[in-house]
N, C-alpha and C. Protein backbone atom coordinates (compact mmCIF):
# COMPACT_ATOMS: atom_id res chain seq x y z
N MET A 1 15.10 7.88 7.17
CA MET A 1 14.84 9.28 6.82
C MET A 1 13.68 9.40 5.82
N LEU A 2 13.69 8.54 4.80
CA LEU A 2 12.64 8.61 3.80
C LEU A 2 11.29 8.27 4.41
N ALA A 3 11.27 7.26 5.28
CA ALA A 3 10.01 6.89 5.94
C ALA A 3 9.48 8.05 6.76
N ALA A 4 10.36 8.73 7.48
CA ALA A 4 9.95 9.88 8.29
C ALA A 4 9.41 10.99 7.40
N ALA A 5 10.07 11.20 6.26
CA ALA A 5 9.62 12.23 5.33
C ALA A 5 8.22 11.91 4.78
N LEU A 6 7.98 10.62 4.49
CA LEU A 6 6.69 10.21 3.97
C LEU A 6 5.59 10.40 5.01
N PHE A 7 5.88 10.06 6.26
CA PHE A 7 4.91 10.30 7.32
C PHE A 7 4.68 11.79 7.51
N GLY A 8 5.75 12.57 7.27
CA GLY A 8 5.60 14.01 7.32
C GLY A 8 4.66 14.53 6.26
N VAL A 9 4.73 13.95 5.07
CA VAL A 9 3.81 14.32 3.99
C VAL A 9 2.38 14.01 4.40
N VAL A 10 2.19 12.85 5.01
CA VAL A 10 0.85 12.47 5.47
C VAL A 10 0.31 13.51 6.46
N ALA A 11 1.18 13.93 7.38
CA ALA A 11 0.77 14.92 8.37
C ALA A 11 0.39 16.24 7.71
N VAL A 12 1.19 16.66 6.73
CA VAL A 12 0.90 17.91 6.02
C VAL A 12 -0.43 17.82 5.28
N VAL A 13 -0.65 16.70 4.59
CA VAL A 13 -1.91 16.52 3.87
C VAL A 13 -3.09 16.53 4.83
N LEU A 14 -2.93 15.88 5.98
CA LEU A 14 -4.01 15.84 6.97
C LEU A 14 -4.35 17.22 7.49
N VAL A 15 -3.32 17.99 7.82
CA VAL A 15 -3.55 19.36 8.29
C VAL A 15 -4.23 20.18 7.21
N TRP A 16 -3.79 20.02 5.98
CA TRP A 16 -4.38 20.73 4.84
C TRP A 16 -5.86 20.39 4.72
N VAL A 17 -6.16 19.09 4.81
CA VAL A 17 -7.54 18.63 4.66
C VAL A 17 -8.43 19.16 5.79
N GLN A 18 -7.88 19.20 6.98
CA GLN A 18 -8.68 19.60 8.14
C GLN A 18 -8.85 21.11 8.26
N THR A 19 -7.98 21.87 7.62
CA THR A 19 -8.07 23.33 7.73
C THR A 19 -8.62 24.00 6.48
N SER A 20 -8.52 23.35 5.35
CA SER A 20 -9.06 23.90 4.10
C SER A 20 -9.33 22.74 3.14
N GLN A 21 -9.67 23.06 1.91
CA GLN A 21 -9.98 22.00 0.95
C GLN A 21 -8.74 21.60 0.16
N PHE A 22 -8.45 20.32 0.15
CA PHE A 22 -7.29 19.81 -0.57
C PHE A 22 -7.57 19.85 -2.07
N PRO A 23 -6.63 20.34 -2.90
CA PRO A 23 -6.84 20.44 -4.35
C PRO A 23 -7.20 19.09 -4.97
N GLY A 24 -8.31 19.07 -5.69
CA GLY A 24 -8.71 17.86 -6.39
C GLY A 24 -9.68 16.98 -5.63
N ASP A 25 -9.78 17.16 -4.33
CA ASP A 25 -10.66 16.30 -3.55
C ASP A 25 -12.12 16.37 -4.03
N GLU A 26 -12.65 17.56 -4.04
CA GLU A 26 -14.07 17.72 -4.39
C GLU A 26 -14.32 17.50 -5.88
N SER A 27 -13.46 18.05 -6.73
CA SER A 27 -13.70 17.95 -8.17
C SER A 27 -13.62 16.51 -8.67
N ILE A 28 -12.64 15.75 -8.20
CA ILE A 28 -12.52 14.36 -8.64
C ILE A 28 -13.66 13.53 -8.09
N TYR A 29 -14.05 13.78 -6.86
CA TYR A 29 -15.16 13.02 -6.28
C TYR A 29 -16.45 13.30 -7.05
N ARG A 30 -16.68 14.55 -7.38
CA ARG A 30 -17.90 14.90 -8.14
C ARG A 30 -17.89 14.25 -9.51
N TRP A 31 -16.72 14.22 -10.17
CA TRP A 31 -16.63 13.58 -11.48
C TRP A 31 -16.96 12.09 -11.37
N ALA A 32 -16.37 11.44 -10.38
CA ALA A 32 -16.60 10.00 -10.22
C ALA A 32 -18.04 9.70 -9.82
N ASP A 33 -18.65 10.62 -9.11
CA ASP A 33 -20.02 10.41 -8.61
C ASP A 33 -21.08 10.89 -9.60
N SER A 34 -20.65 11.47 -10.71
CA SER A 34 -21.60 12.06 -11.66
C SER A 34 -22.27 11.04 -12.57
N GLY A 35 -21.70 9.83 -12.65
CA GLY A 35 -22.25 8.82 -13.55
C GLY A 35 -21.64 8.89 -14.93
N ASP A 36 -20.67 9.78 -15.14
CA ASP A 36 -20.04 9.94 -16.45
C ASP A 36 -18.87 8.97 -16.67
N VAL A 37 -18.49 8.25 -15.63
CA VAL A 37 -17.38 7.31 -15.75
C VAL A 37 -17.84 6.10 -16.57
N SER A 38 -17.07 5.72 -17.58
CA SER A 38 -17.46 4.63 -18.46
C SER A 38 -17.55 3.30 -17.72
N ARG A 39 -18.37 2.39 -18.26
CA ARG A 39 -18.55 1.09 -17.64
C ARG A 39 -17.25 0.28 -17.64
N VAL A 40 -16.46 0.47 -18.68
CA VAL A 40 -15.18 -0.25 -18.76
C VAL A 40 -14.27 0.16 -17.60
N ILE A 41 -14.20 1.45 -17.36
CA ILE A 41 -13.37 1.95 -16.27
C ILE A 41 -13.89 1.42 -14.93
N ILE A 42 -15.19 1.40 -14.77
CA ILE A 42 -15.79 0.92 -13.53
C ILE A 42 -15.45 -0.56 -13.32
N ARG A 43 -15.57 -1.34 -14.38
CA ARG A 43 -15.27 -2.78 -14.26
C ARG A 43 -13.81 -3.03 -13.91
N ILE A 44 -12.93 -2.31 -14.59
CA ILE A 44 -11.50 -2.45 -14.30
C ILE A 44 -11.22 -2.01 -12.86
N SER A 45 -11.83 -0.91 -12.47
CA SER A 45 -11.62 -0.38 -11.13
C SER A 45 -12.08 -1.36 -10.06
N ARG A 46 -13.21 -1.99 -10.28
CA ARG A 46 -13.72 -2.96 -9.30
C ARG A 46 -12.79 -4.16 -9.17
N THR A 47 -12.23 -4.59 -10.30
CA THR A 47 -11.31 -5.72 -10.28
C THR A 47 -10.04 -5.38 -9.52
N VAL A 48 -9.47 -4.23 -9.83
CA VAL A 48 -8.23 -3.82 -9.16
C VAL A 48 -8.48 -3.53 -7.69
N GLU A 49 -9.58 -2.85 -7.40
CA GLU A 49 -9.90 -2.48 -6.03
C GLU A 49 -10.08 -3.70 -5.14
N SER A 50 -10.54 -4.81 -5.73
CA SER A 50 -10.79 -6.02 -4.95
C SER A 50 -9.52 -6.58 -4.32
N LEU A 51 -8.36 -6.18 -4.84
CA LEU A 51 -7.09 -6.65 -4.27
C LEU A 51 -6.93 -6.20 -2.82
N GLY A 52 -7.61 -5.13 -2.47
CA GLY A 52 -7.52 -4.62 -1.10
C GLY A 52 -8.62 -5.12 -0.19
N GLU A 53 -9.56 -5.92 -0.72
CA GLU A 53 -10.62 -6.48 0.09
C GLU A 53 -10.06 -7.58 0.99
N PRO A 54 -10.60 -7.74 2.20
CA PRO A 54 -10.03 -8.68 3.18
C PRO A 54 -9.74 -10.08 2.66
N ALA A 55 -10.74 -10.73 2.04
CA ALA A 55 -10.54 -12.11 1.58
C ALA A 55 -9.44 -12.19 0.53
N MET A 56 -9.50 -11.32 -0.46
CA MET A 56 -8.50 -11.32 -1.52
C MET A 56 -7.12 -10.94 -0.97
N ALA A 57 -7.10 -10.03 0.00
CA ALA A 57 -5.83 -9.61 0.59
C ALA A 57 -5.16 -10.77 1.30
N VAL A 58 -5.92 -11.53 2.05
CA VAL A 58 -5.36 -12.68 2.76
C VAL A 58 -4.81 -13.71 1.78
N ILE A 59 -5.57 -13.99 0.73
CA ILE A 59 -5.12 -14.95 -0.28
C ILE A 59 -3.85 -14.47 -0.96
N THR A 60 -3.83 -13.19 -1.32
CA THR A 60 -2.67 -12.62 -2.00
C THR A 60 -1.41 -12.73 -1.15
N VAL A 61 -1.53 -12.33 0.12
CA VAL A 61 -0.38 -12.37 1.01
C VAL A 61 0.09 -13.80 1.23
N ALA A 62 -0.86 -14.72 1.43
CA ALA A 62 -0.50 -16.12 1.67
C ALA A 62 0.23 -16.73 0.48
N VAL A 63 -0.32 -16.52 -0.72
CA VAL A 63 0.30 -17.08 -1.92
C VAL A 63 1.68 -16.47 -2.16
N LEU A 64 1.75 -15.15 -2.03
CA LEU A 64 3.02 -14.46 -2.27
C LEU A 64 4.07 -14.89 -1.25
N ALA A 65 3.67 -15.03 0.01
CA ALA A 65 4.61 -15.43 1.05
C ALA A 65 5.14 -16.84 0.79
N ILE A 66 4.27 -17.74 0.37
CA ILE A 66 4.69 -19.11 0.07
C ILE A 66 5.67 -19.14 -1.10
N VAL A 67 5.35 -18.36 -2.14
CA VAL A 67 6.20 -18.34 -3.33
C VAL A 67 7.59 -17.82 -3.00
N VAL A 68 7.66 -16.69 -2.29
CA VAL A 68 8.99 -16.13 -2.00
C VAL A 68 9.74 -16.95 -0.97
N ALA A 69 9.02 -17.65 -0.10
CA ALA A 69 9.69 -18.52 0.87
C ALA A 69 10.40 -19.66 0.15
N ARG A 70 9.77 -20.18 -0.89
CA ARG A 70 10.37 -21.28 -1.65
C ARG A 70 11.47 -20.80 -2.58
N ARG A 71 11.27 -19.66 -3.20
CA ARG A 71 12.24 -19.19 -4.19
C ARG A 71 13.37 -18.39 -3.58
N ILE A 72 13.12 -17.77 -2.44
CA ILE A 72 14.17 -16.94 -1.83
C ILE A 72 14.51 -17.50 -0.45
N ASP A 73 13.76 -17.09 0.59
CA ASP A 73 13.98 -17.64 1.93
C ASP A 73 12.88 -17.17 2.87
N LEU A 74 13.00 -17.59 4.12
CA LEU A 74 12.00 -17.26 5.12
C LEU A 74 11.91 -15.76 5.37
N ARG A 75 13.07 -15.09 5.34
CA ARG A 75 13.08 -13.65 5.57
C ARG A 75 12.21 -12.92 4.54
N ALA A 76 12.27 -13.36 3.30
CA ALA A 76 11.46 -12.74 2.25
C ALA A 76 9.97 -12.93 2.53
N ALA A 77 9.60 -14.12 3.00
CA ALA A 77 8.20 -14.38 3.33
C ALA A 77 7.75 -13.49 4.49
N LEU A 78 8.61 -13.34 5.48
CA LEU A 78 8.28 -12.47 6.61
C LEU A 78 8.19 -11.01 6.17
N PHE A 79 8.97 -10.66 5.17
CA PHE A 79 8.92 -9.30 4.61
C PHE A 79 7.54 -9.02 4.02
N VAL A 80 7.02 -9.97 3.27
CA VAL A 80 5.69 -9.81 2.67
C VAL A 80 4.61 -9.74 3.75
N ILE A 81 4.70 -10.65 4.71
CA ILE A 81 3.71 -10.66 5.79
C ILE A 81 3.79 -9.39 6.62
N GLY A 82 5.01 -8.97 6.90
CA GLY A 82 5.18 -7.73 7.65
C GLY A 82 4.65 -6.52 6.92
N ALA A 83 4.84 -6.50 5.60
CA ALA A 83 4.32 -5.39 4.80
C ALA A 83 2.80 -5.31 4.90
N ALA A 84 2.15 -6.49 4.95
CA ALA A 84 0.69 -6.52 5.05
C ALA A 84 0.20 -5.94 6.37
N GLY A 85 1.09 -5.88 7.36
CA GLY A 85 0.73 -5.32 8.65
C GLY A 85 0.37 -3.85 8.60
N VAL A 86 0.56 -3.22 7.46
CA VAL A 86 0.21 -1.80 7.32
C VAL A 86 -1.28 -1.58 7.57
N VAL A 87 -2.09 -2.61 7.36
CA VAL A 87 -3.54 -2.45 7.58
C VAL A 87 -3.83 -2.12 9.05
N LEU A 88 -3.01 -2.62 9.95
CA LEU A 88 -3.20 -2.32 11.37
C LEU A 88 -2.91 -0.85 11.65
N LEU A 89 -1.86 -0.34 11.01
CA LEU A 89 -1.52 1.07 11.17
C LEU A 89 -2.62 1.95 10.60
N VAL A 90 -3.13 1.59 9.43
CA VAL A 90 -4.19 2.37 8.80
C VAL A 90 -5.45 2.38 9.67
N ASP A 91 -5.81 1.22 10.21
CA ASP A 91 -6.99 1.16 11.09
C ASP A 91 -6.82 2.05 12.31
N ALA A 92 -5.61 2.08 12.86
CA ALA A 92 -5.34 2.92 14.02
C ALA A 92 -5.46 4.40 13.65
N LEU A 93 -4.90 4.76 12.49
CA LEU A 93 -4.98 6.15 12.05
C LEU A 93 -6.42 6.58 11.81
N LYS A 94 -7.19 5.71 11.18
CA LYS A 94 -8.59 6.04 10.91
C LYS A 94 -9.39 6.20 12.20
N ALA A 95 -9.07 5.35 13.18
CA ALA A 95 -9.77 5.43 14.46
C ALA A 95 -9.49 6.75 15.17
N VAL A 96 -8.25 7.23 15.04
CA VAL A 96 -7.87 8.48 15.69
C VAL A 96 -8.38 9.69 14.91
N ILE A 97 -8.22 9.66 13.59
CA ILE A 97 -8.56 10.81 12.75
C ILE A 97 -10.06 10.90 12.50
N GLY A 98 -10.70 9.74 12.24
CA GLY A 98 -12.12 9.75 11.90
C GLY A 98 -12.34 10.28 10.50
N PRO A 99 -13.59 10.39 10.07
CA PRO A 99 -13.86 10.91 8.73
C PRO A 99 -13.52 12.39 8.61
N THR A 100 -12.94 12.77 7.50
CA THR A 100 -12.62 14.18 7.27
C THR A 100 -13.91 14.95 6.95
N ASP A 101 -13.84 16.26 7.03
CA ASP A 101 -15.04 17.09 6.86
C ASP A 101 -15.70 16.88 5.50
N LEU A 102 -14.91 16.93 4.44
CA LEU A 102 -15.48 16.78 3.10
C LEU A 102 -16.09 15.40 2.92
N TRP A 103 -15.45 14.38 3.49
CA TRP A 103 -15.98 13.02 3.37
C TRP A 103 -17.34 12.90 4.05
N GLN A 104 -17.47 13.52 5.18
CA GLN A 104 -18.75 13.50 5.89
C GLN A 104 -19.85 14.16 5.06
N GLN A 105 -19.48 15.19 4.33
CA GLN A 105 -20.46 15.91 3.51
C GLN A 105 -20.79 15.16 2.22
N ALA A 106 -19.78 14.52 1.63
CA ALA A 106 -19.95 13.93 0.30
C ALA A 106 -20.41 12.48 0.32
N SER A 107 -20.02 11.73 1.34
CA SER A 107 -20.28 10.29 1.33
C SER A 107 -21.16 9.85 2.49
N THR A 108 -21.91 8.79 2.26
CA THR A 108 -22.73 8.21 3.32
C THR A 108 -22.06 6.99 3.93
N ARG A 109 -20.87 6.64 3.45
CA ARG A 109 -20.17 5.47 3.97
C ARG A 109 -19.67 5.75 5.39
N PRO A 110 -19.91 4.80 6.30
CA PRO A 110 -19.49 5.01 7.69
C PRO A 110 -17.99 4.82 7.87
N GLY A 111 -17.48 5.33 8.97
CA GLY A 111 -16.08 5.12 9.30
C GLY A 111 -15.14 6.15 8.70
N GLY A 112 -13.87 6.02 9.08
CA GLY A 112 -12.88 6.96 8.59
C GLY A 112 -12.48 6.69 7.15
N ASN A 113 -11.90 7.68 6.55
CA ASN A 113 -11.50 7.58 5.14
C ASN A 113 -10.03 7.89 4.91
N PHE A 114 -9.35 8.43 5.92
CA PHE A 114 -7.98 8.92 5.75
C PHE A 114 -7.04 8.14 6.65
N PRO A 115 -6.02 7.49 6.07
CA PRO A 115 -5.69 7.34 4.64
C PRO A 115 -6.43 6.14 4.04
N SER A 116 -6.25 5.92 2.74
CA SER A 116 -6.88 4.80 2.07
C SER A 116 -6.18 3.49 2.46
N GLY A 117 -6.92 2.59 3.08
CA GLY A 117 -6.35 1.31 3.47
C GLY A 117 -6.03 0.43 2.27
N HIS A 118 -6.90 0.48 1.26
CA HIS A 118 -6.67 -0.31 0.05
C HIS A 118 -5.35 0.09 -0.60
N VAL A 119 -5.15 1.38 -0.75
CA VAL A 119 -3.94 1.88 -1.41
C VAL A 119 -2.70 1.57 -0.57
N ALA A 120 -2.80 1.78 0.73
CA ALA A 120 -1.66 1.50 1.60
C ALA A 120 -1.28 0.02 1.55
N PHE A 121 -2.28 -0.85 1.58
CA PHE A 121 -2.02 -2.29 1.55
C PHE A 121 -1.36 -2.71 0.24
N VAL A 122 -1.94 -2.31 -0.87
CA VAL A 122 -1.39 -2.70 -2.18
C VAL A 122 0.01 -2.12 -2.36
N THR A 123 0.22 -0.89 -1.94
CA THR A 123 1.54 -0.27 -2.05
C THR A 123 2.58 -1.05 -1.25
N ALA A 124 2.24 -1.43 -0.02
CA ALA A 124 3.19 -2.13 0.84
C ALA A 124 3.46 -3.55 0.35
N VAL A 125 2.40 -4.31 0.10
CA VAL A 125 2.57 -5.72 -0.26
C VAL A 125 3.15 -5.89 -1.66
N PHE A 126 2.59 -5.20 -2.63
CA PHE A 126 3.11 -5.32 -3.99
C PHE A 126 4.45 -4.60 -4.11
N GLY A 127 4.66 -3.62 -3.24
CA GLY A 127 5.97 -2.97 -3.19
C GLY A 127 7.02 -3.93 -2.68
N ALA A 128 6.65 -4.77 -1.71
CA ALA A 128 7.58 -5.78 -1.21
C ALA A 128 7.93 -6.77 -2.32
N ALA A 129 6.92 -7.17 -3.08
CA ALA A 129 7.16 -8.08 -4.20
C ALA A 129 8.07 -7.44 -5.23
N PHE A 130 7.87 -6.15 -5.48
CA PHE A 130 8.72 -5.40 -6.41
C PHE A 130 10.17 -5.42 -5.94
N TRP A 131 10.39 -5.18 -4.69
CA TRP A 131 11.75 -5.15 -4.15
C TRP A 131 12.40 -6.52 -4.18
N LEU A 132 11.59 -7.57 -4.03
CA LEU A 132 12.13 -8.92 -4.00
C LEU A 132 12.36 -9.51 -5.39
N ALA A 133 12.03 -8.75 -6.43
CA ALA A 133 12.20 -9.26 -7.80
C ALA A 133 13.15 -8.37 -8.59
N PRO A 134 14.44 -8.32 -8.21
CA PRO A 134 15.39 -7.46 -8.91
C PRO A 134 15.90 -8.10 -10.19
N GLY A 135 16.68 -7.34 -10.93
CA GLY A 135 17.31 -7.88 -12.13
C GLY A 135 16.52 -7.63 -13.39
N ARG A 136 17.22 -7.63 -14.50
CA ARG A 136 16.60 -7.35 -15.80
C ARG A 136 15.60 -8.41 -16.22
N ARG A 137 15.83 -9.65 -15.79
CA ARG A 137 14.92 -10.71 -16.21
C ARG A 137 13.54 -10.56 -15.57
N ASN A 138 13.44 -9.77 -14.52
CA ASN A 138 12.17 -9.55 -13.83
C ASN A 138 11.56 -8.20 -14.16
N ILE A 139 12.03 -7.55 -15.19
CA ILE A 139 11.54 -6.21 -15.50
C ILE A 139 10.05 -6.20 -15.80
N ASP A 140 9.55 -7.24 -16.49
CA ASP A 140 8.12 -7.30 -16.79
C ASP A 140 7.29 -7.44 -15.52
N VAL A 141 7.80 -8.25 -14.60
CA VAL A 141 7.10 -8.44 -13.33
C VAL A 141 7.07 -7.14 -12.54
N ARG A 142 8.18 -6.46 -12.51
CA ARG A 142 8.27 -5.21 -11.75
C ARG A 142 7.37 -4.12 -12.35
N LEU A 143 7.32 -4.06 -13.66
CA LEU A 143 6.45 -3.09 -14.32
C LEU A 143 4.98 -3.40 -14.02
N ALA A 144 4.63 -4.68 -14.05
CA ALA A 144 3.26 -5.09 -13.75
C ALA A 144 2.88 -4.71 -12.32
N LEU A 145 3.81 -4.90 -11.40
CA LEU A 145 3.55 -4.55 -10.00
C LEU A 145 3.35 -3.04 -9.84
N LEU A 146 4.15 -2.25 -10.53
CA LEU A 146 4.00 -0.80 -10.48
C LEU A 146 2.66 -0.36 -11.06
N VAL A 147 2.25 -1.00 -12.14
CA VAL A 147 0.96 -0.68 -12.76
C VAL A 147 -0.18 -0.97 -11.79
N ILE A 148 -0.11 -2.11 -11.13
CA ILE A 148 -1.16 -2.48 -10.17
C ILE A 148 -1.22 -1.47 -9.02
N ILE A 149 -0.06 -1.10 -8.52
CA ILE A 149 -0.01 -0.11 -7.43
C ILE A 149 -0.62 1.21 -7.89
N GLY A 150 -0.27 1.64 -9.09
CA GLY A 150 -0.82 2.90 -9.61
C GLY A 150 -2.32 2.82 -9.85
N LEU A 151 -2.78 1.70 -10.40
CA LEU A 151 -4.20 1.55 -10.70
C LEU A 151 -5.06 1.47 -9.45
N GLU A 152 -4.49 0.99 -8.36
CA GLU A 152 -5.29 0.88 -7.12
C GLU A 152 -5.78 2.25 -6.68
N GLY A 153 -4.91 3.23 -6.74
CA GLY A 153 -5.31 4.58 -6.35
C GLY A 153 -6.37 5.15 -7.28
N LEU A 154 -6.18 4.95 -8.58
CA LEU A 154 -7.16 5.43 -9.55
C LEU A 154 -8.50 4.72 -9.38
N SER A 155 -8.44 3.46 -9.02
CA SER A 155 -9.67 2.66 -8.89
C SER A 155 -10.54 3.14 -7.73
N VAL A 156 -9.93 3.37 -6.57
CA VAL A 156 -10.75 3.81 -5.44
C VAL A 156 -11.30 5.21 -5.66
N LEU A 157 -10.62 6.00 -6.49
CA LEU A 157 -11.15 7.32 -6.85
C LEU A 157 -12.34 7.18 -7.79
N ALA A 158 -12.20 6.32 -8.80
CA ALA A 158 -13.26 6.13 -9.78
C ALA A 158 -14.51 5.53 -9.16
N LEU A 159 -14.34 4.76 -8.09
CA LEU A 159 -15.48 4.11 -7.43
C LEU A 159 -16.01 4.94 -6.26
N THR A 160 -15.52 6.15 -6.13
CA THR A 160 -15.91 7.09 -5.05
C THR A 160 -15.71 6.48 -3.66
N LEU A 161 -14.69 5.65 -3.53
CA LEU A 161 -14.40 5.04 -2.24
C LEU A 161 -13.50 5.92 -1.38
N HIS A 162 -12.81 6.86 -2.05
CA HIS A 162 -11.89 7.74 -1.34
C HIS A 162 -11.74 9.06 -2.06
N LEU A 163 -11.19 10.02 -1.33
CA LEU A 163 -10.83 11.31 -1.90
C LEU A 163 -9.36 11.27 -2.32
N LEU A 164 -8.97 12.22 -3.14
CA LEU A 164 -7.59 12.26 -3.61
C LEU A 164 -6.60 12.34 -2.45
N SER A 165 -6.92 13.12 -1.45
CA SER A 165 -6.03 13.25 -0.29
C SER A 165 -5.87 11.92 0.43
N ASP A 166 -6.93 11.12 0.49
CA ASP A 166 -6.84 9.79 1.10
C ASP A 166 -5.87 8.91 0.34
N VAL A 167 -5.94 9.00 -0.99
CA VAL A 167 -5.10 8.16 -1.85
C VAL A 167 -3.63 8.55 -1.71
N ILE A 168 -3.35 9.84 -1.73
CA ILE A 168 -1.97 10.30 -1.58
C ILE A 168 -1.41 9.84 -0.23
N ALA A 169 -2.21 10.00 0.81
CA ALA A 169 -1.78 9.57 2.14
C ALA A 169 -1.59 8.05 2.18
N GLY A 170 -2.45 7.33 1.48
CA GLY A 170 -2.33 5.87 1.43
C GLY A 170 -1.03 5.42 0.80
N TYR A 171 -0.65 6.06 -0.29
CA TYR A 171 0.63 5.74 -0.93
C TYR A 171 1.80 6.03 0.01
N CYS A 172 1.74 7.16 0.69
CA CYS A 172 2.84 7.55 1.58
C CYS A 172 2.94 6.61 2.78
N VAL A 173 1.80 6.28 3.38
CA VAL A 173 1.80 5.37 4.53
C VAL A 173 2.28 3.98 4.12
N GLY A 174 1.79 3.49 2.98
CA GLY A 174 2.20 2.18 2.50
C GLY A 174 3.69 2.09 2.24
N LEU A 175 4.24 3.09 1.57
CA LEU A 175 5.67 3.09 1.27
C LEU A 175 6.51 3.26 2.52
N ALA A 176 6.07 4.15 3.41
CA ALA A 176 6.82 4.37 4.65
C ALA A 176 6.85 3.09 5.49
N TRP A 177 5.71 2.42 5.60
CA TRP A 177 5.66 1.17 6.35
C TRP A 177 6.55 0.11 5.71
N LEU A 178 6.53 0.02 4.39
CA LEU A 178 7.37 -0.94 3.68
C LEU A 178 8.84 -0.71 3.99
N ILE A 179 9.25 0.54 4.00
CA ILE A 179 10.65 0.87 4.30
C ILE A 179 11.01 0.46 5.73
N LEU A 180 10.10 0.72 6.67
CA LEU A 180 10.36 0.37 8.06
C LEU A 180 10.49 -1.14 8.25
N VAL A 181 9.60 -1.90 7.60
CA VAL A 181 9.65 -3.36 7.70
C VAL A 181 10.95 -3.87 7.09
N ARG A 182 11.35 -3.31 5.97
CA ARG A 182 12.59 -3.71 5.31
C ARG A 182 13.79 -3.46 6.21
N VAL A 183 13.82 -2.31 6.85
CA VAL A 183 14.93 -1.97 7.74
C VAL A 183 14.99 -2.95 8.90
N VAL A 184 13.85 -3.25 9.50
CA VAL A 184 13.80 -4.15 10.65
C VAL A 184 14.28 -5.55 10.28
N LEU A 185 13.83 -6.05 9.13
CA LEU A 185 14.14 -7.42 8.74
C LEU A 185 15.52 -7.60 8.09
N TYR A 186 15.99 -6.56 7.40
CA TYR A 186 17.23 -6.71 6.65
C TYR A 186 18.41 -5.94 7.21
N GLU A 187 18.16 -5.01 8.10
CA GLU A 187 19.27 -4.18 8.59
C GLU A 187 19.40 -4.20 10.11
N THR A 188 18.66 -5.09 10.77
CA THR A 188 18.81 -5.27 12.21
C THR A 188 18.98 -6.75 12.50
N SER A 189 19.26 -7.08 13.74
CA SER A 189 19.45 -8.47 14.15
C SER A 189 18.21 -9.04 14.84
N LEU A 190 17.04 -8.45 14.56
CA LEU A 190 15.82 -8.87 15.24
C LEU A 190 15.54 -10.35 15.06
N LEU A 191 15.65 -10.85 13.83
CA LEU A 191 15.31 -12.25 13.56
C LEU A 191 16.21 -13.21 14.34
N SER A 192 17.50 -12.91 14.37
CA SER A 192 18.42 -13.79 15.10
C SER A 192 18.15 -13.74 16.59
N ARG A 193 17.71 -12.61 17.08
CA ARG A 193 17.43 -12.47 18.51
C ARG A 193 16.23 -13.31 18.93
N ILE A 194 15.27 -13.48 18.02
CA ILE A 194 14.09 -14.28 18.36
C ILE A 194 14.23 -15.72 17.88
N GLY A 195 15.43 -16.08 17.43
CA GLY A 195 15.70 -17.46 17.09
C GLY A 195 15.36 -17.88 15.69
N VAL A 196 15.16 -16.93 14.79
CA VAL A 196 14.87 -17.25 13.39
C VAL A 196 16.17 -17.15 12.60
N ASN A 197 16.63 -18.26 12.09
CA ASN A 197 17.90 -18.30 11.36
C ASN A 197 17.66 -18.21 9.85
N VAL A 198 18.23 -17.21 9.22
CA VAL A 198 18.14 -17.05 7.77
C VAL A 198 19.52 -16.72 7.25
N PRO A 199 19.81 -17.02 5.98
CA PRO A 199 21.12 -16.71 5.41
C PRO A 199 21.43 -15.23 5.48
N ALA A 200 22.68 -14.89 5.68
CA ALA A 200 23.09 -13.48 5.72
C ALA A 200 22.93 -12.87 4.35
N ARG A 201 22.61 -11.59 4.32
CA ARG A 201 22.47 -10.87 3.06
C ARG A 201 23.46 -9.73 3.01
N ASP A 202 23.83 -9.33 1.81
CA ASP A 202 24.72 -8.18 1.64
C ASP A 202 23.89 -6.93 1.44
N ASN A 203 23.98 -6.01 2.42
CA ASN A 203 23.34 -4.70 2.28
C ASN A 203 21.83 -4.81 2.08
N GLY A 204 21.22 -5.83 2.69
CA GLY A 204 19.77 -5.95 2.62
C GLY A 204 19.24 -6.29 1.26
N SER A 205 20.03 -6.88 0.39
CA SER A 205 19.59 -7.20 -0.96
C SER A 205 18.97 -8.58 -1.00
N PRO A 206 18.04 -8.83 -1.92
CA PRO A 206 17.47 -10.15 -2.06
C PRO A 206 18.53 -11.18 -2.40
N SER A 207 18.15 -12.43 -2.28
CA SER A 207 19.07 -13.53 -2.50
C SER A 207 19.72 -13.47 -3.88
N THR A 208 20.96 -13.92 -3.92
CA THR A 208 21.68 -13.90 -5.20
C THR A 208 21.03 -14.82 -6.22
N ARG A 209 20.13 -15.70 -5.77
CA ARG A 209 19.41 -16.54 -6.72
C ARG A 209 18.49 -15.72 -7.59
N GLN A 210 18.21 -14.48 -7.13
CA GLN A 210 17.32 -13.63 -7.90
C GLN A 210 18.07 -12.72 -8.86
N SER A 211 19.39 -12.63 -8.69
CA SER A 211 20.15 -11.67 -9.47
C SER A 211 20.47 -12.20 -10.85
N THR A 212 20.90 -11.28 -11.72
CA THR A 212 21.23 -11.67 -13.09
C THR A 212 22.72 -11.54 -13.31
């Protein structure tokens, strides 16, 4: 239900963008493009934004999958890899939607802009890591993951890589995809049907080795 609601939000934002101007799209883009953004913010934004770049994304997913496979189990590793699959959904959406009207007017970058692939990827993959790190002893890790997810959206805005509507849609698509992957891997028998044997879990929760 939540995943469907999130995709519904994406649809509403898209219709809004295509029929009128989404609040904040033009004003935030103009601010970021004005040259008034401090160098510190730009440097931080470039560092955070790089998490969504192809090479860094592959490294991140590979390292994270290996870590959770060793500390939790194979299902957790597949969860991370499956979450990264959101990039395929984003590419499909961009191919169908194409660049929005304001993006065509404001930016010279080719290709579609809605939703933000960087934001969707970071939300899904780091969101998977967040879900796999429960318990009070992991509170610092979970807070750090939330900060990274939040900063990714701000970073692509500060670097004029996306409009606000793209970022909002990116968060919704990333979270919705994460929920769908979680349901498939933890609440269905798909893995056993394809011959992948993993320990049973209670109510889709991470391994008790992670609990406090």
